[in-house]
Amino acid sequence: MKESVLHKLTILAESAKYDVSCSSSGTTRGSKPGSVGSTSGWGICHSFTEDGRCVSLLKILLTNFCLYDCAYCVNRRSNDIERVAFTPKELAELTIEFYRRNYIEGLFLSSGVIKSPDHTMEKMLRVVKDLRTVHHFNGYIHMKAIPGASPELIHLAGLYADRLSVNLEVPIEEDLKLLAPEKDHQSVYKPMNFIQQGMVQSLEERRKYRSAPRFAPAGQSTQLIVGAARDNDKDILMLSSALYQRQSMKRVYYSGYIPVNTNDKRLPATVDTPLKRENRLYQADWLMRFYQFSANEILDDQSPYLDLDMDPKLAWAIRHPERFPIDVNTASYATILRVPGIGIKSAKLIVSARKHGRLNLNGLKKIGVVLKRAQYFITNNELPLHTIHEATPEYVKQVLREPSSQPYAAQQLSLGF
């Protein structure tokens, strides 16, 4: 590798690390004769498969030059940092060489905005187009769509990339205008809506013609910065819920604010628990996506922040003791899902197993129910009558809340359901 390219790689890979919206692809591109790479089976990005395998991608910026002066961004215009840029040819060749050496399995491409959104998108498009057409790379590509870029360029990006993403960054628009004066939510929603329309149209065309090109087959995602402004968890979850419903968002990612520009008075000097808060938001997001919870159920105006000492599912159950206890042998699947200590897989197994007879305590353990949590919210002939009503919600909260001394690294990786 040329020394100049290595120098650019060092700087631009470091600059890209603050964007977290690059998890698994959710798409399948099978291998083709004469092509290299495949997304089949494993998914992409720094993530772990069910059997423990780690998959990786090159997460890089095309350049850290930027027209914008966003308060929270390390690459903002006013920062005195070394600026470098890849040429599209350099980055395409670097990606394919890393793939051939088995360093990566895909590409996550973002960029600062140079000259204009269209100019930046054109350069990024040259990278992914060269990978697909010149190098015949058939692996996973996640590409950022630049707010303000023309619909024609975004459409081309969706034909070459597996996933597109446009970052909202700050949940409340007034705060966004304060922290990033050149940006507004409308400039982000416009490409989001265009990407959604492109995906819908692509699906309709492929129902008629199997050979029709796919548009962003892995969907779109976005990222919200947590803790850089005055937003509360309720604001964030309401926004995420709307994005999942209206923009058909594949994922909303939450990035705990990291104070990279400590001399900017618009930003908080310190953040008390950004990583814990980020983790709780991911857990609440999981409840909305897979556990049939609405954002209004998880938080309300009286409780706008998630409890940092317990997962949001347990917190909801303690706030609603009138919903419990339930009989796992007769309750509906949706009701069973809401019991702390019972996950999606366990709930499905319970519904299936009880067709063959009543479930006892041993059966629940074999299914995988975490009885330490669930015992206060279910009834069973073998369990002592010690539900949330007899024990009181205050006692259950005290017993089941996570110890504050627990290292955060252990908490972050557990959904706690």
Protein backbone atom coordinates (compact mmCIF):
# COMPACT_ATOMS: atom_id res chain seq x y z
CA MET A 1 0.00 0.00 0.00
CA LYS A 2 1.27 3.47 -0.88
CA GLU A 3 2.26 5.57 2.11
CA SER A 4 -0.10 8.37 1.03
CA VAL A 5 -3.07 5.98 0.88
CA LEU A 6 -2.18 4.51 4.28
CA HIS A 7 -2.03 8.01 5.74
CA LYS A 8 -5.50 8.83 4.35
CA LEU A 9 -6.85 5.51 5.61
CA THR A 10 -5.61 6.21 9.14
CA ILE A 11 -7.29 9.62 9.30
CA LEU A 12 -10.54 8.83 7.49
CA ALA A 13 -11.20 5.53 9.28
CA GLU A 14 -10.75 7.34 12.60
CA SER A 15 -13.14 10.10 11.50
CA ALA A 16 -15.81 7.55 10.52
CA LYS A 17 -15.97 5.78 13.88
CA TYR A 18 -18.64 8.08 15.34
CA ASP A 19 -21.29 6.88 12.90
CA VAL A 20 -22.92 3.79 14.43
CA SER A 21 -25.63 3.17 11.82
CA CYS A 22 -23.88 0.35 10.02
CA SER A 23 -25.08 -2.94 11.46
CA SER A 24 -26.06 -6.09 9.58
CA SER A 25 -27.25 -5.89 6.03
CA GLY A 26 -30.45 -7.94 6.06
CA THR A 27 -29.99 -8.68 2.37
CA THR A 28 -28.77 -11.55 0.20
CA ARG A 29 -26.53 -11.16 -2.81
CA GLY A 30 -25.53 -14.64 -3.89
CA SER A 31 -22.19 -15.33 -5.52
CA LYS A 32 -22.00 -14.91 -9.29
CA PRO A 33 -19.54 -16.34 -11.83
CA GLY A 34 -16.73 -13.86 -12.35
CA SER A 35 -17.68 -11.79 -9.28
CA VAL A 36 -16.09 -11.55 -5.85
CA GLY A 37 -17.87 -11.22 -2.51
CA SER A 38 -21.26 -12.28 -1.26
CA THR A 39 -23.69 -11.14 1.43
CA SER A 40 -25.28 -14.57 1.73
CA GLY A 41 -25.83 -15.96 5.19
CA TRP A 42 -23.61 -13.91 7.44
CA GLY A 43 -24.78 -10.30 7.32
CA ILE A 44 -22.21 -7.54 7.36
CA CYS A 45 -20.48 -5.00 9.60
CA HIS A 46 -18.85 -5.43 12.98
CA SER A 47 -21.46 -7.79 14.35
CA PHE A 48 -21.70 -11.36 15.60
CA THR A 49 -23.68 -14.17 14.01
CA GLU A 50 -25.61 -16.70 16.08
CA ASP A 51 -22.71 -19.16 16.00
CA GLY A 52 -20.26 -16.52 17.23
CA ARG A 53 -18.59 -15.55 13.96
CA CYS A 54 -17.59 -11.90 13.59
CA VAL A 55 -18.23 -10.15 10.30
CA SER A 56 -16.58 -6.88 9.34
CA LEU A 57 -16.57 -4.09 6.79
CA LEU A 58 -14.41 -1.16 5.81
CA LYS A 59 -16.00 1.83 7.55
CA ILE A 60 -14.53 4.89 5.92
CA LEU A 61 -15.10 8.48 4.85
CA LEU A 62 -14.39 9.57 1.30
CA THR A 63 -13.11 12.82 2.81
CA ASN A 64 -13.18 14.74 6.08
CA PHE A 65 -13.41 18.11 4.31
CA CYS A 66 -16.84 19.56 5.09
CA LEU A 67 -18.80 22.70 4.30
CA TYR A 68 -20.87 22.41 7.45
CA ASP A 69 -20.00 23.55 10.96
CA CYS A 70 -22.04 21.15 13.12
CA ALA A 71 -21.19 21.67 16.80
CA TYR A 72 -21.11 17.94 17.64
CA CYS A 73 -18.99 16.77 14.67
CA VAL A 74 -15.24 16.23 14.82
CA ASN A 75 -14.98 17.05 11.09
CA ARG A 76 -16.79 20.39 11.29
CA ARG A 77 -15.49 23.24 9.17
CA SER A 78 -14.05 25.29 12.05
CA ASN A 79 -12.00 22.46 13.58
CA ASP A 80 -8.24 22.69 13.06
CA ILE A 81 -7.61 19.12 11.92
CA GLU A 82 -5.68 17.60 9.03
CA ARG A 83 -7.94 17.28 5.99
CA VAL A 84 -7.47 14.52 3.45
CA ALA A 85 -9.55 12.92 0.69
CA PHE A 86 -9.49 9.69 -1.30
CA THR A 87 -10.02 9.74 -5.00
CA PRO A 88 -12.89 7.43 -6.01
CA LYS A 89 -10.40 5.15 -7.76
CA GLU A 90 -8.17 4.93 -4.67
CA LEU A 91 -11.04 4.00 -2.38
CA ALA A 92 -12.51 1.43 -4.77
CA GLU A 93 -9.13 -0.25 -5.18
CA LEU A 94 -8.46 -0.11 -1.43
CA THR A 95 -11.80 -1.80 -0.71
CA ILE A 96 -11.27 -4.60 -3.20
CA GLU A 97 -7.69 -5.21 -2.00
CA PHE A 98 -8.88 -5.42 1.61
CA TYR A 99 -11.56 -7.87 0.53
CA ARG A 100 -9.10 -10.07 -1.39
CA ARG A 101 -6.93 -10.24 1.73
CA ASN A 102 -9.96 -11.29 3.79
CA TYR A 103 -9.77 -8.18 5.97
CA ILE A 104 -13.36 -7.15 5.26
CA GLU A 105 -16.62 -8.44 3.84
CA GLY A 106 -18.15 -5.15 2.75
CA LEU A 107 -18.02 -1.37 2.70
CA PHE A 108 -19.65 1.36 4.78
CA LEU A 109 -19.13 4.62 2.89
CA SER A 110 -19.81 8.11 4.21
CA SER A 111 -18.27 11.52 3.60
CA GLY A 112 -18.04 15.13 4.59
CA VAL A 113 -19.84 17.48 2.24
CA ILE A 114 -17.44 19.04 -0.28
CA LYS A 115 -18.49 21.86 -2.64
CA SER A 116 -22.14 20.71 -2.65
CA PRO A 117 -24.30 17.67 -1.78
CA ASP A 118 -24.52 16.70 -5.47
CA HIS A 119 -20.76 16.94 -5.96
CA THR A 120 -20.19 14.72 -2.90
CA MET A 121 -22.78 12.15 -4.01
CA GLU A 122 -21.26 11.98 -7.50
CA LYS A 123 -17.85 11.12 -6.03
CA MET A 124 -19.33 8.51 -3.69
CA LEU A 125 -21.28 7.03 -6.58
CA ARG A 126 -18.11 6.64 -8.60
CA VAL A 127 -16.68 4.50 -5.78
CA VAL A 128 -19.62 2.09 -5.56
CA LYS A 129 -20.13 2.04 -9.33
CA ASP A 130 -16.48 1.08 -9.89
CA LEU A 131 -16.77 -1.65 -7.26
CA ARG A 132 -19.85 -3.14 -8.95
CA THR A 133 -18.99 -2.68 -12.61
CA VAL A 134 -15.18 -2.57 -12.82
CA HIS A 135 -14.15 -4.86 -9.95
CA HIS A 136 -17.36 -6.94 -10.06
CA PHE A 137 -17.67 -6.73 -6.28
CA ASN A 138 -20.88 -8.46 -5.21
CA GLY A 139 -20.55 -8.00 -1.45
CA TYR A 140 -22.43 -5.68 0.87
CA ILE A 141 -22.30 -1.89 0.44
CA HIS A 142 -23.89 0.58 2.84
CA MET A 143 -23.81 4.14 1.54
CA LYS A 144 -24.80 7.45 3.06
CA ALA A 145 -27.24 9.58 1.10
CA ILE A 146 -26.27 13.22 1.45
CA PRO A 147 -29.18 15.52 2.45
CA GLY A 148 -29.80 17.99 -0.35
CA ALA A 149 -28.57 15.70 -3.12
CA SER A 150 -30.74 15.35 -6.21
CA PRO A 151 -33.26 12.47 -6.44
CA GLU A 152 -31.51 11.19 -9.59
CA LEU A 153 -28.25 10.64 -7.70
CA ILE A 154 -30.02 9.00 -4.76
CA HIS A 155 -31.82 6.70 -7.19
CA LEU A 156 -28.50 5.63 -8.73
CA ALA A 157 -27.07 5.06 -5.24
CA GLY A 158 -29.98 2.75 -4.39
CA LEU A 159 -29.27 0.64 -7.49
CA TYR A 160 -25.63 0.05 -6.50
CA ALA A 161 -25.81 -0.03 -2.68
CA ASP A 162 -27.54 -2.62 -0.48
CA ARG A 163 -28.54 -0.10 2.17
CA LEU A 164 -28.88 3.68 2.19
CA SER A 165 -29.01 5.88 5.25
CA VAL A 166 -29.66 9.53 6.02
CA ASN A 167 -28.88 10.67 9.55
CA LEU A 168 -31.38 12.84 11.44
CA GLU A 169 -28.76 13.32 14.17
CA VAL A 170 -30.66 15.69 16.54
CA PRO A 171 -34.28 14.68 17.39
CA ILE A 172 -35.71 18.20 17.91
CA GLU A 173 -35.45 20.55 14.94
CA GLU A 174 -34.93 23.68 17.04
CA ASP A 175 -31.90 22.03 18.63
CA LEU A 176 -30.63 20.93 15.21
CA LYS A 177 -30.78 24.53 13.97
CA LEU A 178 -28.81 25.64 17.02
CA LEU A 179 -26.14 22.94 16.76
CA ALA A 180 -26.05 22.63 12.95
CA PRO A 181 -27.26 25.93 11.46
CA GLU A 182 -26.89 24.74 7.84
CA LYS A 183 -29.19 21.74 8.36
CA ASP A 184 -32.89 21.15 8.95
CA HIS A 185 -35.13 18.10 9.28
CA GLN A 186 -36.88 18.72 5.97
CA SER A 187 -33.64 18.23 4.04
CA VAL A 188 -33.30 14.81 5.74
CA TYR A 189 -36.93 13.69 5.39
CA LYS A 190 -36.94 14.49 1.67
CA PRO A 191 -34.32 11.84 0.70
CA MET A 192 -35.80 9.44 3.28
CA ASN A 193 -39.18 9.63 1.56
CA PHE A 194 -37.60 9.26 -1.84
CA ILE A 195 -35.72 6.13 -0.72
CA GLN A 196 -38.94 4.68 0.72
CA GLN A 197 -40.78 5.33 -2.55
CA GLY A 198 -37.94 3.74 -4.49
CA MET A 199 -38.08 0.59 -2.36
CA VAL A 200 -41.85 0.28 -2.76
CA GLN A 201 -41.64 0.81 -6.52
CA SER A 202 -38.80 -1.71 -6.81
CA LEU A 203 -40.83 -4.38 -4.99
CA GLU A 204 -43.81 -3.81 -7.27
CA GLU A 205 -41.65 -4.04 -10.38
CA ARG A 206 -39.97 -7.23 -9.19
CA ARG A 207 -43.37 -8.85 -8.65
CA LYS A 208 -44.01 -8.33 -12.36
CA TYR A 209 -40.49 -8.85 -13.69
CA ARG A 210 -37.99 -10.95 -11.76
CA SER A 211 -35.13 -9.34 -13.68
CA ALA A 212 -36.07 -5.81 -12.55
CA PRO A 213 -33.22 -4.07 -10.67
CA ARG A 214 -33.37 -4.00 -6.87
CA PHE A 215 -33.37 -0.65 -5.10
CA ALA A 216 -31.71 -0.57 -1.67
CA PRO A 217 -32.72 -4.19 -0.91
CA ALA A 218 -31.50 -3.94 2.70
CA GLY A 219 -33.67 -0.88 3.34
CA GLN A 220 -32.67 2.38 4.97
CA SER A 221 -31.50 3.40 8.41
CA THR A 222 -30.78 6.57 10.37
CA GLN A 223 -28.91 7.70 13.46
CA LEU A 224 -29.89 9.90 16.41
CA ILE A 225 -27.34 11.50 18.71
CA VAL A 226 -28.35 11.04 22.36
CA GLY A 227 -27.45 13.64 24.96
CA ALA A 228 -26.12 16.48 22.78
CA ALA A 229 -29.29 18.57 23.20
CA ARG A 230 -32.32 18.98 25.44
CA ASP A 231 -34.25 16.00 24.04
CA ASN A 232 -35.66 13.43 26.44
CA ASP A 233 -36.15 9.71 25.88
CA LYS A 234 -39.85 10.14 25.14
CA ASP A 235 -39.06 12.58 22.31
CA ILE A 236 -36.56 10.13 20.85
CA LEU A 237 -38.85 7.10 21.04
CA MET A 238 -41.81 8.98 19.57
CA LEU A 239 -39.62 10.07 16.66
CA SER A 240 -38.27 6.54 16.16
CA SER A 241 -41.79 5.10 16.21
CA ALA A 242 -42.87 7.58 13.54
CA LEU A 243 -39.84 6.73 11.39
CA TYR A 244 -40.60 3.00 11.56
CA GLN A 245 -44.21 3.61 10.56
CA ARG A 246 -43.98 6.42 8.00
CA GLN A 247 -40.54 5.98 6.41
CA SER A 248 -40.45 2.16 6.71
CA MET A 249 -37.12 2.51 8.48
CA LYS A 250 -35.16 -0.72 8.83
CA ARG A 251 -33.27 0.48 11.90
CA VAL A 252 -32.90 3.57 14.01
CA TYR A 253 -29.50 3.73 15.70
CA TYR A 254 -28.75 5.65 18.90
CA SER A 255 -25.33 7.16 19.42
CA GLY A 256 -24.43 8.40 22.89
CA TYR A 257 -23.01 11.90 22.63
CA ILE A 258 -19.21 12.00 22.84
CA PRO A 259 -17.79 15.46 23.64
CA VAL A 260 -15.26 15.80 20.81
CA ASN A 261 -15.56 19.60 20.71
CA THR A 262 -15.24 20.57 24.36
CA ASN A 263 -14.84 24.30 23.74
CA ASP A 264 -18.28 24.78 22.16
CA LYS A 265 -20.67 26.32 24.69
CA ARG A 266 -23.72 25.07 22.75
CA LEU A 267 -22.90 21.54 23.87
CA PRO A 268 -23.03 19.98 27.35
CA ALA A 269 -19.59 19.98 28.99
CA THR A 270 -20.11 16.50 30.43
CA VAL A 271 -22.67 13.76 30.03
CA ASP A 272 -23.63 11.78 33.13
CA THR A 273 -24.60 8.41 31.68
CA PRO A 274 -24.64 8.57 27.86
CA LEU A 275 -23.83 4.89 27.29
CA LYS A 276 -26.38 3.59 29.79
CA ARG A 277 -29.01 5.84 28.29
CA GLU A 278 -28.06 4.66 24.81
CA ASN A 279 -28.42 1.05 25.93
CA ARG A 280 -31.87 1.64 27.45
CA LEU A 281 -33.02 3.31 24.21
CA TYR A 282 -31.94 0.24 22.23
CA GLN A 283 -33.91 -1.94 24.63
CA ALA A 284 -36.99 0.28 24.27
CA ASP A 285 -36.55 0.24 20.49
CA TRP A 286 -36.52 -3.56 20.65
CA LEU A 287 -39.82 -3.48 22.56
CA MET A 288 -41.42 -1.37 19.83
CA ARG A 289 -40.10 -3.50 16.98
CA PHE A 290 -40.63 -7.00 18.36
CA TYR A 291 -42.73 -6.91 21.55
CA GLN A 292 -45.78 -4.98 20.29
CA PHE A 293 -45.21 -1.99 22.58
CA SER A 294 -46.00 1.56 21.50
CA ALA A 295 -43.79 4.51 22.40
CA ASN A 296 -46.62 5.99 24.52
CA GLU A 297 -46.74 2.84 26.64
CA ILE A 298 -43.02 2.82 27.36
CA LEU A 299 -42.82 6.50 28.37
CA ASP A 300 -45.28 9.33 28.97
CA ASP A 301 -45.23 13.00 29.98
CA GLN A 302 -44.98 12.05 33.66
CA SER A 303 -42.04 9.71 33.00
CA PRO A 304 -40.11 11.13 30.01
CA TYR A 305 -36.84 9.32 30.77
CA LEU A 306 -36.05 5.61 30.86
CA ASP A 307 -34.99 4.14 34.19
CA LEU A 308 -31.23 3.55 34.08
CA ASP A 309 -31.40 0.87 36.80
CA MET A 310 -33.81 -1.49 35.06
CA ASP A 311 -34.78 -2.43 31.53
CA PRO A 312 -37.87 -0.69 30.10
CA LYS A 313 -39.97 -3.85 29.94
CA LEU A 314 -39.57 -4.46 33.68
CA ALA A 315 -40.16 -0.76 34.39
CA TRP A 316 -43.42 -0.87 32.42
CA ALA A 317 -44.61 -4.01 34.24
CA ILE A 318 -43.92 -2.45 37.65
CA ARG A 319 -45.84 0.69 36.65
CA HIS A 320 -48.83 -1.47 35.62
CA PRO A 321 -49.38 -4.06 38.37
CA GLU A 322 -53.07 -4.19 37.39
CA ARG A 323 -52.06 -6.16 34.26
CA PHE A 324 -50.63 -9.00 36.37
CA PRO A 325 -50.41 -11.79 37.31
CA ILE A 326 -51.26 -13.75 34.18
CA ASP A 327 -51.79 -17.47 33.69
CA VAL A 328 -49.29 -18.67 31.10
CA ASN A 329 -51.55 -21.63 30.31
CA THR A 330 -54.42 -19.45 29.10
CA ALA A 331 -53.07 -15.96 28.30
CA SER A 332 -52.67 -14.78 24.71
CA TYR A 333 -49.28 -14.60 23.01
CA ALA A 334 -49.33 -10.77 23.08
CA THR A 335 -49.97 -10.80 26.84
CA ILE A 336 -47.25 -13.36 27.54
CA LEU A 337 -44.76 -11.21 25.57
CA ARG A 338 -45.16 -8.46 28.15
CA VAL A 339 -44.03 -10.57 31.10
CA PRO A 340 -40.48 -9.69 32.27
CA GLY A 341 -38.25 -12.72 31.91
CA ILE A 342 -40.12 -14.09 28.87
CA GLY A 343 -38.70 -13.37 25.43
CA ILE A 344 -40.08 -13.88 21.94
CA LYS A 345 -38.75 -17.41 21.58
CA SER A 346 -39.97 -18.41 25.05
CA ALA A 347 -43.43 -16.92 24.42
CA LYS A 348 -43.80 -18.88 21.18
CA LEU A 349 -42.68 -22.09 22.90
CA ILE A 350 -45.18 -21.54 25.72
CA VAL A 351 -48.08 -21.13 23.28
CA SER A 352 -46.96 -24.24 21.39
CA ALA A 353 -46.21 -26.43 24.44
CA ARG A 354 -49.45 -25.76 26.32
CA LYS A 355 -51.42 -27.40 23.50
CA HIS A 356 -50.15 -30.73 24.83
CA GLY A 357 -50.85 -30.14 28.51
CA ARG A 358 -50.53 -27.64 31.33
CA LEU A 359 -47.11 -26.12 31.81
CA ASN A 360 -45.50 -26.63 35.20
CA LEU A 361 -42.50 -24.92 36.77
CA ASN A 362 -40.01 -27.37 35.30
CA GLY A 363 -41.51 -26.91 31.85
CA LEU A 364 -41.14 -23.14 32.05
CA LYS A 365 -37.49 -23.51 33.07
CA LYS A 366 -36.80 -25.81 30.11
CA ILE A 367 -38.45 -23.33 27.75
CA GLY A 368 -36.06 -20.65 28.97
CA VAL A 369 -38.27 -18.46 31.14
CA VAL A 370 -36.18 -16.40 33.60
CA LEU A 371 -38.19 -17.20 36.72
CA LYS A 372 -36.22 -14.77 38.87
CA ARG A 373 -38.08 -12.04 36.99
CA ALA A 374 -41.22 -13.78 35.78
CA GLN A 375 -42.29 -15.24 39.15
CA TYR A 376 -43.80 -11.92 40.26
CA PHE A 377 -45.94 -11.58 37.12
CA ILE A 378 -47.32 -15.08 36.44
CA THR A 379 -49.42 -17.67 38.26
CA ASN A 380 -48.63 -21.36 38.45
CA ASN A 381 -49.76 -24.05 40.88
CA GLU A 382 -46.14 -24.76 41.83
CA LEU A 383 -45.22 -21.12 42.47
CA PRO A 384 -45.82 -19.59 45.92
CA LEU A 385 -48.46 -16.86 45.96
CA HIS A 386 -45.90 -14.06 45.87
CA THR A 387 -46.92 -11.97 42.88
CA ILE A 388 -46.33 -8.24 42.41
CA HIS A 389 -49.45 -7.54 44.47
CA GLU A 390 -48.35 -9.55 47.53
CA ALA A 391 -44.71 -8.48 47.22
CA THR A 392 -45.66 -4.85 46.28
CA PRO A 393 -44.22 -3.04 43.24
CA GLU A 394 -41.65 -1.25 45.44
CA TYR A 395 -40.24 -4.57 46.64
CA VAL A 396 -40.08 -6.04 43.14
CA LYS A 397 -38.33 -2.91 41.87
CA GLN A 398 -35.78 -3.10 44.67
CA VAL A 399 -35.08 -6.81 44.16
CA LEU A 400 -34.83 -6.79 40.37
CA ARG A 401 -33.09 -3.49 39.64
CA GLU A 402 -29.55 -3.83 38.35
CA PRO A 403 -26.71 -3.14 40.80
CA SER A 404 -25.17 0.26 40.13
CA SER A 405 -21.71 -1.24 40.59
CA GLN A 406 -22.13 -3.53 37.59
CA PRO A 407 -19.61 -2.62 34.86
CA TYR A 408 -21.30 -0.90 31.95
CA ALA A 409 -19.66 -3.15 29.38
CA ALA A 410 -21.66 -6.06 30.76
CA GLN A 411 -24.91 -4.08 30.74
CA GLN A 412 -24.54 -2.79 27.21
CA LEU A 413 -24.47 -6.21 25.62
CA SER A 414 -27.57 -7.52 27.39
CA LEU A 415 -31.13 -6.72 26.39
CA GLY A 416 -32.29 -7.96 29.79
CA PHE A 417 -35.55 -9.49 28.53
